[in-house]
C-alpha atoms as a PDB file:
ATOM      1  CA  MET A   1      -0.277   0.405  -0.617  1.00  0.00           C
ATOM      2  CA  ARG A   2       1.302   3.379  -0.975  1.00  0.00           C
ATOM      3  CA  THR A   3       1.486   6.414   1.482  1.00  0.00           C
ATOM      4  CA  LYS A   4       0.978   9.787   1.000  1.00  0.00           C
ATOM      5  CA  ARG A   5       4.569   9.891   1.960  1.00  0.00           C
ATOM      6  CA  THR A   6       5.111   7.602  -0.771  1.00  0.00           C
ATOM      7  CA  ILE A   7       2.857  10.015  -3.639  1.00  0.00           C
ATOM      8  CA  ARG A   8       4.611  13.069  -2.568  1.00  0.00           C
ATOM      9  CA  ASN A   9       8.131  12.097  -3.155  1.00  0.00           C
ATOM     10  CA  ASP A  10       6.825  10.074  -6.749  1.00  0.00           C
ATOM     11  CA  GLU A  11       5.670  12.891  -7.289  1.00  0.00           C
ATOM     12  CA  GLN A  12       8.046  15.525  -6.590  1.00  0.00           C
ATOM     13  CA  ILE A  13      10.091  13.118  -8.861  1.00  0.00           C
ATOM     14  CA  GLU A  14       7.075  13.605 -11.703  1.00  0.00           C
ATOM     15  CA  ARG A  15       7.753  17.468 -11.550  1.00  0.00           C
ATOM     16  CA  GLU A  16      11.739  17.519 -11.820  1.00  0.00           C
ATOM     17  CA  ILE A  17      11.412  15.390 -15.464  1.00  0.00           C
ATOM     18  CA  GLU A  18       8.792  17.603 -16.646  1.00  0.00           C
ATOM     19  CA  LYS A  19      10.682  20.107 -15.540  1.00  0.00           C
ATOM     20  CA  SER A  20      13.897  18.468 -16.889  1.00  0.00           C
ATOM     21  CA  THR A  21      12.508  17.573 -19.596  1.00  0.00           C
ATOM     22  CA  SER A  22      10.925  21.050 -21.362  1.00  0.00           C
ATOM     23  CA  LYS A  23      14.219  22.407 -22.323  1.00  0.00           C
ATOM     24  CA  PHE A  24      13.754  19.091 -25.293  1.00  0.00           C
ATOM     25  CA  SER A  25      11.774  20.063 -28.024  1.00  0.00           C
ATOM     26  CA  GLN A  26      11.906  16.344 -29.075  1.00  0.00           C
ATOM     27  CA  TYR A  27      11.827  13.706 -27.213  1.00  0.00           C
ATOM     28  CA  LEU A  28      11.839  11.249 -29.796  1.00  0.00           C
ATOM     29  CA  MET A  29      11.458   7.879 -27.738  1.00  0.00           C
ATOM     30  CA  SER A  30       8.560   6.013 -26.825  1.00  0.00           C
ATOM     31  CA  ASN A  31       7.271   3.489 -24.128  1.00  0.00           C
ATOM     32  CA  SER A  32       7.151   0.721 -26.701  1.00  0.00           C
ATOM     33  CA  LYS A  33       9.987   1.787 -28.918  1.00  0.00           C
ATOM     34  CA  TRP A  34      11.640   1.451 -25.780  1.00  0.00           C
ATOM     35  CA  VAL A  35      10.108  -1.671 -24.055  1.00  0.00           C
ATOM     36  CA  ARG A  36      11.136  -3.404 -28.338  1.00  0.00           C
ATOM     37  CA  LEU A  37      14.407  -1.660 -27.735  1.00  0.00           C
ATOM     38  CA  ILE A  38      14.516  -3.288 -24.491  1.00  0.00           C
ATOM     39  CA  ASN A  39      14.053  -6.426 -25.368  1.00  0.00           C
ATOM     40  CA  LYS A  40      16.344  -6.412 -28.173  1.00  0.00           C
ATOM     41  CA  LEU A  41      18.924  -5.933 -26.411  1.00  0.00           C
ATOM     42  CA  VAL A  42      18.888  -8.789 -23.866  1.00  0.00           C
ATOM     43  CA  GLU A  43      18.383 -11.131 -26.749  1.00  0.00           C
ATOM     44  CA  ASN A  44      21.391 -10.073 -28.031  1.00  0.00           C
ATOM     45  CA  SER A  45      23.371  -9.504 -24.049  1.00  0.00           C
ATOM     46  CA  GLU A  46      26.755 -11.172 -25.006  1.00  0.00           C
ATOM     47  CA  ARG A  47      26.630  -9.262 -27.962  1.00  0.00           C
ATOM     48  CA  VAL A  48      25.483  -6.121 -25.976  1.00  0.00           C
ATOM     49  CA  LEU A  49      28.926  -5.830 -23.145  1.00  0.00           C
ATOM     50  CA  LYS A  50      27.984  -2.069 -22.001  1.00  0.00           C
ATOM     51  CA  ILE A  51      25.143   0.178 -21.921  1.00  0.00           C
ATOM     52  CA  GLU A  52      26.017   4.549 -21.368  1.00  0.00           C
ATOM     53  CA  PHE A  53      22.424   6.329 -20.020  1.00  0.00           C
ATOM     54  CA  LYS A  54      22.217  10.002 -18.725  1.00  0.00           C
ATOM     55  CA  LYS A  55      19.710  10.760 -16.790  1.00  0.00           C
ATOM     56  CA  VAL A  56      17.781  14.020 -18.053  1.00  0.00           C
ATOM     57  CA  GLN A  57      17.679  15.649 -14.635  1.00  0.00           C
ATOM     58  CA  HIS A  58      21.810  14.926 -13.192  1.00  0.00           C
ATOM     59  CA  THR A  59      24.880  14.849 -15.222  1.00  0.00           C
ATOM     60  CA  LEU A  60      25.787  12.029 -14.548  1.00  0.00           C
ATOM     61  CA  ILE A  61      26.430   8.833 -16.465  1.00  0.00           C
ATOM     62  CA  GLY A  62      24.924   5.618 -14.900  1.00  0.00           C
ATOM     63  CA  GLU A  63      25.604   1.998 -16.578  1.00  0.00           C
ATOM     64  CA  LEU A  64      22.693  -0.746 -18.151  1.00  0.00           C
ATOM     65  CA  TYR A  65      22.808  -3.916 -16.642  1.00  0.00           C
ATOM     66  CA  LEU A  66      21.496  -6.443 -19.004  1.00  0.00           C
ATOM     67  CA  ASP A  67      21.880 -10.010 -19.799  1.00  0.00           C
ATOM     68  CA  GLN A  68      19.759 -12.442 -20.801  1.00  0.00           C
ATOM     69  CA  ASP A  69      18.207 -13.264 -17.535  1.00  0.00           C
ATOM     70  CA  THR A  70      16.858 -10.215 -17.403  1.00  0.00           C
ATOM     71  CA  ALA A  71      13.072 -10.595 -18.287  1.00  0.00           C
ATOM     72  CA  PHE A  72       9.652  -7.726 -19.168  1.00  0.00           C
ATOM     73  CA  GLY A  73       7.674  -7.783 -16.217  1.00  0.00           C
ATOM     74  CA  PHE A  74       9.428  -8.227 -13.347  1.00  0.00           C
ATOM     75  CA  ASP A  75      13.229  -5.976 -14.095  1.00  0.00           C
ATOM     76  CA  TYR A  76      11.910  -4.205 -16.371  1.00  0.00           C
ATOM     77  CA  TRP A  77       7.957  -2.683 -17.357  1.00  0.00           C
ATOM     78  CA  GLN A  78       6.438  -0.550 -20.529  1.00  0.00           C
ATOM     79  CA  ASN A  79       6.871   2.609 -19.058  1.00  0.00           C
ATOM     80  CA  GLY A  80      10.626   2.030 -17.168  1.00  0.00           C
ATOM     81  CA  PHE A  81      13.545  -0.271 -14.858  1.00  0.00           C
ATOM     82  CA  GLU A  82      13.704  -0.524 -10.859  1.00  0.00           C
ATOM     83  CA  GLY A  83      17.601  -1.281  -9.540  1.00  0.00           C
ATOM     84  CA  ASN A  84      18.980  -2.457 -13.555  1.00  0.00           C
ATOM     85  CA  SER A  85      21.676   0.336 -13.169  1.00  0.00           C
ATOM     86  CA  SER A  86      24.585   1.817 -12.212  1.00  0.00           C
ATOM     87  CA  LEU A  87      22.863   4.991  -9.948  1.00  0.00           C
ATOM     88  CA  GLY A  88      19.576   2.665  -9.020  1.00  0.00           C
ATOM     89  CA  GLY A  89      16.107   2.592  -7.983  1.00  0.00           C
ATOM     90  CA  TRP A  90      13.516   3.865 -10.567  1.00  0.00           C
ATOM     91  CA  LEU A  91      14.596   4.667 -13.450  1.00  0.00           C
ATOM     92  CA  MET A  92      12.065   5.927 -16.050  1.00  0.00           C
ATOM     93  CA  PHE A  93      11.860   6.015 -20.117  1.00  0.00           C
ATOM     94  CA  LYS A  94      10.509   8.913 -20.800  1.00  0.00           C
ATOM     95  CA  GLU A  95      14.223  10.431 -18.270  1.00  0.00           C
ATOM     96  CA  ILE A  96      16.833   8.994 -20.387  1.00  0.00           C
ATOM     97  CA  GLU A  97      18.344  11.738 -22.358  1.00  0.00           C
ATOM     98  CA  TYR A  98      20.880   9.413 -23.941  1.00  0.00           C
ATOM     99  CA  LEU A  99      21.950   5.412 -24.584  1.00  0.00           C
ATOM    100  CA  PHE A 100      25.267   5.461 -24.954  1.00  0.00           C
ATOM    101  CA  PHE A 101      27.216   2.152 -26.605  1.00  0.00           C
ATOM    102  CA  PRO A 102      31.166   2.385 -25.695  1.00  0.00           C
ATOM    103  CA  LYS A 103      33.378   1.179 -27.872  1.00  0.00           C
ATOM    104  CA  VAL A 104      36.198  -0.260 -25.576  1.00  0.00           C
ATOM    105  CA  ALA A 105      33.772  -2.040 -22.512  1.00  0.00           C
ATOM    106  CA  ASP A 106      37.001  -2.753 -20.411  1.00  0.00           C
ATOM    107  CA  LEU A 107      40.077  -0.772 -19.889  1.00  0.00           C
ATOM    108  CA  VAL A 108      41.742  -3.116 -18.112  1.00  0.00           C
ATOM    109  CA  LYS A 109      41.005  -6.173 -19.832  1.00  0.00           C
ATOM    110  CA  HIS A 110      41.068  -4.610 -23.125  1.00  0.00           C
ATOM    111  CA  VAL A 111      38.106  -5.324 -24.018  1.00  0.00           C
ATOM    112  CA  GLU A 112      35.253  -3.532 -27.556  1.00  0.00           C
ATOM    113  CA  GLN A 113      32.146  -4.163 -28.672  1.00  0.00           C
ATOM    114  CA  ASP A 114      30.821  -4.210 -31.919  1.00  0.00           C
ATOM    115  CA  LEU A 115      29.279  -1.347 -32.644  1.00  0.00           C
ATOM    116  CA  GLU A 116      28.464  -2.415 -35.990  1.00  0.00           C
ATOM    117  CA  GLN A 117      26.345  -5.626 -34.681  1.00  0.00           C
ATOM    118  CA  ILE A 118      25.460  -3.498 -32.132  1.00  0.00           C
ATOM    119  CA  GLU A 119      23.551  -0.285 -34.633  1.00  0.00           C
ATOM    120  CA  ALA A 120      22.270  -3.062 -37.029  1.00  0.00           C
ATOM    121  CA  LEU A 121      20.980  -4.818 -33.889  1.00  0.00           C
ATOM    122  CA  ILE A 122      18.669  -1.245 -32.905  1.00  0.00           C
ATOM    123  CA  ASN A 123      18.148  -0.809 -37.104  1.00  0.00           C
ATOM    124  CA  SER A 124      16.658  -3.957 -36.449  1.00  0.00           C
ATOM    125  CA  VAL A 125      13.565  -2.422 -33.901  1.00  0.00           C
ATOM    126  CA  GLY A 126      13.185   0.055 -35.842  1.00  0.00           C
ATOM    127  CA  LYS A 127      13.826   4.331 -36.698  1.00  0.00           C
ATOM    128  CA  PHE A 128      16.715   5.164 -33.669  1.00  0.00           C
ATOM    129  CA  SER A 129      18.437   8.531 -33.796  1.00  0.00           C
ATOM    130  CA  LEU A 130      21.627   7.551 -33.714  1.00  0.00           C
ATOM    131  CA  GLU A 131      25.258   9.344 -33.317  1.00  0.00           C
ATOM    132  CA  THR A 132      28.306   7.719 -34.105  1.00  0.00           C
ATOM    133  CA  ASP A 133      31.869   8.801 -33.692  1.00  0.00           C
ATOM    134  CA  VAL A 134      35.514   7.386 -32.232  1.00  0.00           C
ATOM    135  CA  ARG A 135      34.270   6.584 -28.690  1.00  0.00           C
ATOM    136  CA  GLY A 136      31.214   4.456 -29.958  1.00  0.00           C
ATOM    137  CA  LEU A 137      27.428   4.682 -29.916  1.00  0.00           C
ATOM    138  CA  LYS A 138      24.398   7.275 -29.071  1.00  0.00           C
ATOM    139  CA  VAL A 139      21.127   6.516 -29.446  1.00  0.00           C
ATOM    140  CA  VAL A 140      19.529   9.832 -28.755  1.00  0.00           C
ATOM    141  CA  CYS A 141      16.195  10.230 -27.103  1.00  0.00           C
ATOM    142  CA  TYR A 142      15.552  13.808 -26.759  1.00  0.00           C
ATOM    143  CA  ARG A 143      16.020  16.890 -29.069  1.00  0.00           C
ATOM    144  CA  VAL A 144      16.569  19.868 -28.718  1.00  0.00           C
END
């Protein structure tokens, strides 16, 4: 059962997200598109070694944890995640500014991701706003 305090906290988080997203002119993702993308990344988790993300409310960069055991309805839902990131807590899809797939997945072990393969996986789901450079591949979720 949700308490008044929990409800107020959720409402405050929602206001923060709305305020942060108001600086963008366009939201490029929908919840259903997110679910399809996450499903595809989970199905191919052996190829996707590292995913970073940025929340619209912060400058912090977090890491998203997905593997073959990640399940819809358990680890993520129609509108977000719980506990699947390095930042902890809930992560709503609408508060993700971008996903970033770094070329180098592990600096210590010198492990690289195949960005062309990851891009092909993403494109197999639908049309996304993608940016690439020498550091990695970015899925842009908001446009300024």
